[in-house]
């Protein structure tokens, strides 16, 4: 049986509850969104399990339980006989990395998030059972589990065996934490499972905070620093270290907003990238995550404003004005934008700021259908037919 009020940190339980009650009552307005979600969940039943030991390459430690990934935008140097040291081509993903752990982690987290949401809204136990199976294989089962560190993340052949920047890889774990909360009440996800996962994240949190890689990532001044704070604050809340989370959100987040957002709302560190719309959306989503986590510990980042007018609402308004049709994005974007990610961000902000122009803008984005999009369930109101 699904929990009426799930233990979630970034999802808002109020619209989740509203959507579930409307669906249980047979509301036809949300039915297409649930049907689309269940179709995705049915497909996810066939994936996995995933494990770090499945990769062909072995980390420098000799232990396949250690996570290993390749620097995303690093490629063999054609001027060198062995291609080393690799060279950077910003925004161009080297497919070599698809054979390592980053791709498996992406599939794992996407599948668990979909299965947990579908279980929460439908109560269909096989969704929870498969999500639990995937969680155990990656985090808990002794034969297949990942060691809780990222010493060898985003390695660059010929340069380094791993980097602090590689910690961005586990930003994928952020939605997984709420997915675990949505599994509350499922027969397949036991108290022992939850205790084991909590212990894993407690150890990973300590590594993030205390390791050299973690300290390097904390010092980054763009989306890497933002998402390091999201991870550490969220994982701290998940394992019950509220004081740690509060310190991160109170002491770090305001200075990141001040240094990364201009008074007019631009995010200059992201606009210089070759995928500037993607990175602007991703970074601002991280800031909104920090603001949501701040609500849990009494730190108001939604309303935070520097003396010269830098704040989240300004950044959201600028991105809306610059990216939503009929606007034309005037910065580099060498790959197709993730319009669905921007739509989710705008709908979330519309709910928080009670600004319907943002949700209206989301519906104007290319290829985004309001009726079947997942955000229709995540940000539902009590209305409906």
Protein backbone atom coordinates (compact mmCIF):
# COMPACT_ATOMS: atom_id res chain seq x y z
CA UNK A 1 0.00 0.00 0.00
CA UNK A 2 1.41 3.41 -0.98
CA UNK A 3 2.00 5.99 1.73
CA UNK A 4 -0.55 8.84 1.83
CA UNK A 5 2.21 11.33 2.73
CA UNK A 6 5.52 10.05 1.32
CA UNK A 7 8.86 11.04 2.87
CA UNK A 8 10.13 13.27 0.09
CA UNK A 9 12.49 16.24 0.17
CA UNK A 10 12.34 17.85 -3.28
CA UNK A 11 8.93 16.80 -4.52
CA UNK A 12 6.09 18.76 -2.97
CA UNK A 13 3.80 16.27 -1.17
CA UNK A 14 0.77 18.55 -1.53
CA UNK A 15 0.34 18.30 -5.33
CA UNK A 16 1.36 14.63 -5.15
CA UNK A 17 -1.49 14.06 -2.72
CA UNK A 18 -3.86 16.13 -4.84
CA UNK A 19 -2.97 14.18 -7.99
CA UNK A 20 -3.40 10.83 -6.26
CA UNK A 21 -6.81 11.76 -4.86
CA UNK A 22 -7.96 13.01 -8.25
CA UNK A 23 -6.74 9.83 -9.96
CA UNK A 24 -8.36 7.62 -7.32
CA UNK A 25 -11.62 9.49 -7.97
CA UNK A 26 -11.35 8.81 -11.71
CA UNK A 27 -10.49 12.36 -12.80
CA UNK A 28 -10.23 12.18 -16.62
CA UNK A 29 -8.00 15.26 -16.84
CA UNK A 30 -5.02 13.48 -15.30
CA UNK A 31 -5.71 10.08 -16.84
CA UNK A 32 -3.50 10.64 -19.94
CA UNK A 33 -0.54 11.65 -17.75
CA UNK A 34 -0.91 8.51 -15.65
CA UNK A 35 -1.27 6.33 -18.74
CA UNK A 36 1.94 7.76 -20.16
CA UNK A 37 3.75 7.24 -16.85
CA UNK A 38 2.54 3.64 -16.57
CA UNK A 39 3.66 2.91 -20.12
CA UNK A 40 7.15 4.12 -19.16
CA UNK A 41 7.02 2.06 -15.97
CA UNK A 42 5.96 -1.05 -17.87
CA UNK A 43 9.01 -0.63 -20.09
CA UNK A 44 11.21 -0.08 -17.02
CA UNK A 45 10.13 -3.46 -15.64
CA UNK A 46 12.33 -5.03 -18.31
CA UNK A 47 15.57 -3.14 -17.54
CA UNK A 48 18.40 -4.07 -15.23
CA UNK A 49 19.49 -5.02 -12.74
CA UNK A 50 22.51 -2.75 -13.01
CA UNK A 51 25.82 -3.09 -11.19
CA UNK A 52 29.25 -1.43 -11.20
CA UNK A 53 30.82 -4.87 -11.53
CA UNK A 54 29.33 -5.31 -15.01
CA UNK A 55 31.75 -2.89 -16.72
CA UNK A 56 34.57 -4.41 -18.75
CA UNK A 57 37.21 -1.95 -17.55
CA UNK A 58 38.74 -2.23 -14.09
CA UNK A 59 39.44 0.89 -11.97
CA UNK A 60 43.05 1.64 -10.93
CA UNK A 61 42.26 0.17 -7.51
CA UNK A 62 41.69 -3.24 -9.08
CA UNK A 63 38.24 -3.36 -7.45
CA UNK A 64 35.31 -3.42 -9.86
CA UNK A 65 33.03 -2.34 -7.01
CA UNK A 66 34.62 1.12 -7.41
CA UNK A 67 32.70 3.46 -9.71
CA UNK A 68 34.51 4.41 -12.93
CA UNK A 69 33.60 6.96 -15.60
CA UNK A 70 35.27 8.87 -18.41
CA UNK A 71 35.47 12.65 -18.66
CA UNK A 72 32.34 13.40 -20.65
CA UNK A 73 33.81 15.75 -23.23
CA UNK A 74 37.33 14.29 -23.46
CA UNK A 75 38.49 12.57 -26.66
CA UNK A 76 41.64 10.90 -27.99
CA UNK A 77 44.12 13.40 -29.44
CA UNK A 78 44.47 12.53 -33.15
CA UNK A 79 47.97 14.05 -33.11
CA UNK A 80 49.20 11.39 -30.65
CA UNK A 81 49.85 7.76 -31.64
CA UNK A 82 47.94 6.40 -28.62
CA UNK A 83 45.53 9.35 -28.41
CA UNK A 84 46.91 10.39 -25.01
CA UNK A 85 46.62 12.70 -23.27
CA UNK A 86 42.98 13.14 -24.23
CA UNK A 87 41.79 16.60 -25.31
CA UNK A 88 38.58 18.44 -24.46
CA UNK A 89 35.75 19.09 -26.94
CA UNK A 90 33.12 20.93 -24.89
CA UNK A 91 29.58 19.69 -25.38
CA UNK A 92 30.61 16.68 -27.51
CA UNK A 93 30.05 13.45 -25.59
CA UNK A 94 32.68 10.75 -26.12
CA UNK A 95 30.75 7.47 -26.58
CA UNK A 96 33.63 5.52 -24.98
CA UNK A 97 32.08 6.45 -21.64
CA UNK A 98 28.89 4.53 -22.42
CA UNK A 99 30.66 1.27 -21.52
CA UNK A 100 31.49 2.48 -18.00
CA UNK A 101 29.38 3.19 -14.93
CA UNK A 102 27.93 6.61 -15.77
CA UNK A 103 25.56 5.23 -18.41
CA UNK A 104 24.40 2.42 -16.12
CA UNK A 105 23.83 4.88 -13.28
CA UNK A 106 21.73 7.08 -15.57
CA UNK A 107 19.53 4.15 -16.61
CA UNK A 108 19.26 2.94 -13.02
CA UNK A 109 18.08 6.26 -11.63
CA UNK A 110 15.66 6.94 -14.49
CA UNK A 111 14.09 3.50 -14.11
CA UNK A 112 13.74 3.74 -10.32
CA UNK A 113 12.24 7.24 -10.50
CA UNK A 114 9.68 6.13 -13.10
CA UNK A 115 8.79 2.92 -11.25
CA UNK A 116 8.42 4.67 -7.89
CA UNK A 117 6.20 7.41 -9.30
CA UNK A 118 4.05 4.88 -11.11
CA UNK A 119 3.77 2.81 -7.93
CA UNK A 120 2.79 5.84 -5.88
CA UNK A 121 0.00 6.87 -8.24
CA UNK A 122 -1.25 3.40 -9.19
CA UNK A 123 -0.45 1.17 -6.21
CA UNK A 124 0.76 -1.51 -8.65
CA UNK A 125 3.13 -3.60 -6.49
CA UNK A 126 5.29 -5.02 -9.34
CA UNK A 127 6.57 -1.47 -9.96
CA UNK A 128 7.78 -1.22 -6.35
CA UNK A 129 9.19 -4.74 -6.43
CA UNK A 130 11.38 -4.04 -9.45
CA UNK A 131 12.51 -0.68 -8.09
CA UNK A 132 13.55 -2.44 -4.87
CA UNK A 133 15.41 -5.08 -6.88
CA UNK A 134 17.35 -2.40 -8.75
CA UNK A 135 18.21 -0.53 -5.54
CA UNK A 136 19.50 -3.68 -3.84
CA UNK A 137 21.70 -4.65 -6.78
CA UNK A 138 23.43 -1.26 -7.03
CA UNK A 139 23.70 -0.29 -3.36
CA UNK A 140 23.14 -3.25 -1.03
CA UNK A 141 23.91 -6.73 -2.33
CA UNK A 142 27.46 -7.67 -1.37
CA UNK A 143 28.25 -9.27 -4.72
CA UNK A 144 27.16 -6.32 -6.85
CA UNK A 145 27.08 -3.14 -4.74
CA UNK A 146 29.00 0.06 -5.46
CA UNK A 147 31.58 1.27 -2.97
CA UNK A 148 30.41 4.68 -1.65
CA UNK A 149 33.00 6.97 -3.24
CA UNK A 150 33.89 8.51 -6.62
CA UNK A 151 37.68 8.43 -6.63
CA UNK A 152 37.69 7.36 -10.29
CA UNK A 153 34.88 9.46 -11.72
CA UNK A 154 35.40 11.40 -14.96
CA UNK A 155 38.93 10.14 -15.48
CA UNK A 156 40.96 11.59 -18.36
CA UNK A 157 43.28 9.05 -20.01
CA UNK A 158 46.82 10.31 -19.95
CA UNK A 159 45.93 13.06 -17.45
CA UNK A 160 44.29 11.74 -14.26
CA UNK A 161 42.58 8.69 -12.79
CA UNK A 162 39.64 10.72 -11.50
CA UNK A 163 38.57 14.27 -10.67
CA UNK A 164 36.45 16.21 -8.22
CA UNK A 165 34.42 17.32 -11.21
CA UNK A 166 33.32 13.71 -11.51
CA UNK A 167 31.04 14.20 -8.50
CA UNK A 168 28.52 15.73 -10.91
CA UNK A 169 27.89 12.13 -11.99
CA UNK A 170 25.94 11.41 -8.81
CA UNK A 171 23.64 14.37 -9.29
CA UNK A 172 21.62 11.58 -10.89
CA UNK A 173 21.05 10.22 -7.37
CA UNK A 174 19.12 13.35 -6.36
CA UNK A 175 15.70 12.25 -7.70
CA UNK A 176 16.42 8.72 -6.48
CA UNK A 177 16.16 9.89 -2.86
CA UNK A 178 12.54 10.98 -3.35
CA UNK A 179 11.85 7.82 -5.35
CA UNK A 180 12.83 5.82 -2.26
CA UNK A 181 10.36 7.91 -0.27
CA UNK A 182 7.62 7.08 -2.76
CA UNK A 183 8.25 3.38 -2.12
CA UNK A 184 7.18 3.85 1.50
CA UNK A 185 4.55 1.26 2.39
CA UNK A 186 5.54 -1.15 -0.40
CA UNK A 187 5.93 -4.73 0.71
CA UNK A 188 9.03 -5.13 -1.45
CA UNK A 189 11.01 -2.30 0.20
CA UNK A 190 11.70 -3.45 3.74
CA UNK A 191 12.93 -1.65 6.85
CA UNK A 192 16.21 -3.54 6.52
CA UNK A 193 16.57 -2.35 2.91
CA UNK A 194 15.97 1.23 3.97
CA UNK A 195 18.45 0.99 6.84
CA UNK A 196 21.08 -0.41 4.49
CA UNK A 197 20.55 2.35 1.95
CA UNK A 198 20.71 5.00 4.67
CA UNK A 199 24.04 3.57 5.84
CA UNK A 200 25.37 3.66 2.27
CA UNK A 201 24.45 7.34 1.86
CA UNK A 202 25.87 8.21 5.26
CA UNK A 203 29.24 6.82 4.19
CA UNK A 204 29.02 8.55 0.80
CA UNK A 205 28.18 11.87 2.46
CA UNK A 206 31.27 11.62 4.64
CA UNK A 207 33.39 10.95 1.56
CA UNK A 208 31.87 13.93 -0.27
CA UNK A 209 32.61 16.29 2.59
CA UNK A 210 36.03 15.01 3.66
CA UNK A 211 37.78 13.76 0.49
CA UNK A 212 40.12 15.81 -1.68
CA UNK A 213 37.78 15.35 -4.64
CA UNK A 214 34.85 16.56 -2.56
CA UNK A 215 36.70 19.66 -1.39
CA UNK A 216 37.68 20.43 -4.99
CA UNK A 217 34.09 20.14 -6.21
CA UNK A 218 32.80 22.28 -3.35
CA UNK A 219 35.13 25.05 -4.56
CA UNK A 220 33.73 25.07 -8.12
CA UNK A 221 31.90 28.29 -9.09
CA UNK A 222 29.42 27.04 -11.69
CA UNK A 223 26.85 24.24 -11.90
CA UNK A 224 29.34 21.84 -10.33
CA UNK A 225 29.37 23.80 -7.08
CA UNK A 226 25.58 24.18 -7.15
CA UNK A 227 25.01 20.46 -7.58
CA UNK A 228 27.62 19.56 -4.98
CA UNK A 229 25.58 21.55 -2.46
CA UNK A 230 22.34 19.93 -3.63
CA UNK A 231 23.81 16.48 -3.14
CA UNK A 232 25.39 17.07 0.24
CA UNK A 233 22.37 18.93 1.67
CA UNK A 234 19.90 16.33 0.38
CA UNK A 235 21.91 13.32 1.46
CA UNK A 236 22.39 14.90 4.89
CA UNK A 237 18.64 15.30 5.29
CA UNK A 238 18.05 11.75 4.07
CA UNK A 239 20.39 10.26 6.70
CA UNK A 240 19.12 12.52 9.50
CA UNK A 241 21.99 15.04 9.69
CA UNK A 242 19.79 18.13 9.61
CA UNK A 243 22.41 20.45 11.12
CA UNK A 244 24.80 19.62 8.28
CA UNK A 245 22.13 20.36 5.70
CA UNK A 246 21.17 23.62 7.37
CA UNK A 247 24.77 24.83 7.42
CA UNK A 248 25.18 24.12 3.70
CA UNK A 249 21.95 25.89 2.78
CA UNK A 250 22.47 28.84 5.11
CA UNK A 251 26.19 29.43 4.54
CA UNK A 252 26.93 28.27 0.98
CA UNK A 253 23.83 28.68 -1.16
CA UNK A 254 23.39 32.48 -0.88
CA UNK A 255 26.96 33.12 -1.98
CA UNK A 256 26.50 30.78 -4.94
CA UNK A 257 23.40 32.70 -6.04
CA UNK A 258 25.29 35.98 -5.67
CA UNK A 259 28.26 34.78 -7.72
CA UNK A 260 26.43 32.90 -10.47
CA UNK A 261 23.36 35.02 -11.25
CA UNK A 262 23.58 38.53 -12.68
CA UNK A 263 21.16 41.31 -11.60
CA UNK A 264 19.26 40.86 -14.88
CA UNK A 265 18.97 37.09 -14.27
CA UNK A 266 21.61 35.76 -16.65
CA UNK A 267 23.89 32.90 -15.56
CA UNK A 268 27.19 33.88 -17.23
CA UNK A 269 29.15 30.74 -16.25
CA UNK A 270 26.60 28.61 -18.10
CA UNK A 271 26.06 30.91 -21.08
CA UNK A 272 29.68 30.48 -22.21
CA UNK A 273 29.18 26.73 -22.67
CA UNK A 274 28.47 25.17 -26.05
CA UNK A 275 25.18 23.83 -24.61
CA UNK A 276 24.25 27.05 -22.87
CA UNK A 277 20.47 26.53 -22.64
CA UNK A 278 20.93 23.02 -21.26
CA UNK A 279 23.41 24.20 -18.66
CA UNK A 280 21.40 27.28 -17.71
CA UNK A 281 18.36 25.06 -17.15
CA UNK A 282 20.35 22.47 -15.21
CA UNK A 283 22.04 25.00 -12.95
CA UNK A 284 18.81 26.85 -12.20
CA UNK A 285 17.12 23.54 -11.44
CA UNK A 286 19.89 22.95 -8.92
CA UNK A 287 19.26 26.33 -7.32
CA UNK A 288 15.55 25.55 -7.10
CA UNK A 289 16.44 22.25 -5.44
CA UNK A 290 18.52 24.16 -2.89
CA UNK A 291 15.60 26.53 -2.26
CA UNK A 292 13.23 23.58 -1.78
CA UNK A 293 15.63 21.93 0.65
CA UNK A 294 15.95 25.27 2.44
CA UNK A 295 12.24 25.15 3.17
CA UNK A 296 12.87 21.96 5.16
CA UNK A 297 15.34 23.68 7.51
CA UNK A 298 14.05 27.25 7.75
CA UNK A 299 16.31 28.88 5.12
CA UNK A 300 14.42 30.98 2.55
CA UNK A 301 16.35 30.95 -0.71
CA UNK A 302 13.30 31.50 -2.91
CA UNK A 303 13.08 35.10 -1.69
CA UNK A 304 16.82 35.65 -1.28
CA UNK A 305 17.99 38.79 -3.06
CA UNK A 306 21.36 40.51 -3.03
CA UNK A 307 21.62 44.28 -2.65
CA UNK A 308 22.04 44.62 -6.43
CA UNK A 309 19.07 42.35 -7.23
CA UNK A 310 20.48 38.86 -7.84
CA UNK A 311 18.03 36.08 -7.02
CA UNK A 312 16.26 32.97 -8.26
CA UNK A 313 13.11 34.72 -9.43
CA UNK A 314 15.19 37.06 -11.58
CA UNK A 315 17.00 34.07 -13.12
CA UNK A 316 13.73 32.26 -13.83
CA UNK A 317 12.19 35.34 -15.42
CA UNK A 318 15.25 35.87 -17.64
CA UNK A 319 15.33 32.25 -18.79
CA UNK A 320 11.59 32.34 -19.49
CA UNK A 321 11.93 35.51 -21.54
CA UNK A 322 15.02 34.28 -23.42
CA UNK A 323 13.97 30.69 -24.18
CA UNK A 324 10.19 30.40 -24.42
CA UNK A 325 8.71 30.94 -27.91
CA UNK A 326 8.40 33.34 -29.62
CA UNK A 327 11.82 34.12 -28.12
CA UNK A 328 14.91 32.88 -29.99
CA UNK A 329 17.78 31.57 -27.85
CA UNK A 330 20.79 33.74 -28.74
CA UNK A 331 23.59 31.69 -27.17
CA UNK A 332 25.43 28.52 -28.23
CA UNK A 333 23.44 25.27 -28.10
CA UNK A 334 25.07 22.59 -30.23
CA UNK A 335 22.62 19.84 -29.24
CA UNK A 336 18.81 19.90 -29.17
CA UNK A 337 17.54 21.50 -25.93
CA UNK A 338 15.81 19.40 -23.29
CA UNK A 339 12.50 21.22 -23.45
CA UNK A 340 10.86 18.79 -21.04
CA UNK A 341 13.43 19.68 -18.36
CA UNK A 342 12.75 23.38 -18.87
CA UNK A 343 8.99 22.76 -18.74
CA UNK A 344 9.34 20.95 -15.41
CA UNK A 345 11.42 23.81 -14.05
CA UNK A 346 8.93 26.47 -15.14
CA UNK A 347 5.92 24.57 -13.78
CA UNK A 348 7.67 24.06 -10.48
CA UNK A 349 8.54 27.75 -10.23
CA UNK A 350 5.00 28.75 -11.24
CA UNK A 351 3.62 26.79 -8.31
CA UNK A 352 6.15 28.19 -5.84
CA UNK A 353 5.78 31.84 -6.90
CA UNK A 354 2.08 31.59 -7.79
CA UNK A 355 2.96 32.92 -11.24
CA UNK A 356 0.76 31.36 -13.98
CA UNK A 357 2.78 33.03 -16.74
CA UNK A 358 5.58 30.55 -16.04
CA UNK A 359 3.32 27.49 -16.42
CA UNK A 360 1.76 29.02 -19.54
CA UNK A 361 5.26 29.41 -20.92
CA UNK A 362 5.99 25.75 -20.20
CA UNK A 363 3.04 24.72 -22.36
CA UNK A 364 4.44 26.73 -25.30
CA UNK A 365 7.72 24.83 -25.39
CA UNK A 366 8.31 22.62 -28.45
CA UNK A 367 7.09 19.05 -28.15
CA UNK A 368 5.77 19.42 -24.60
CA UNK A 369 2.22 18.17 -24.15
CA UNK A 370 0.65 19.42 -20.94
CA UNK A 371 -1.79 16.52 -20.65
CA UNK A 372 0.70 13.65 -20.84
CA UNK A 373 3.79 15.32 -19.41
CA UNK A 374 4.94 14.00 -16.02
CA UNK A 375 4.76 17.47 -14.49
CA UNK A 376 0.96 17.32 -14.77
CA UNK A 377 1.12 14.79 -11.93
CA UNK A 378 3.97 16.35 -9.96
CA UNK A 379 2.42 19.80 -9.89
CA UNK A 380 -1.29 19.04 -9.90
CA UNK A 381 -3.81 21.25 -8.13
CA UNK A 382 -6.97 20.22 -6.34
CA UNK A 383 -8.96 21.19 -9.42
CA UNK A 384 -10.04 19.03 -12.31
CA UNK A 385 -13.35 17.90 -13.70
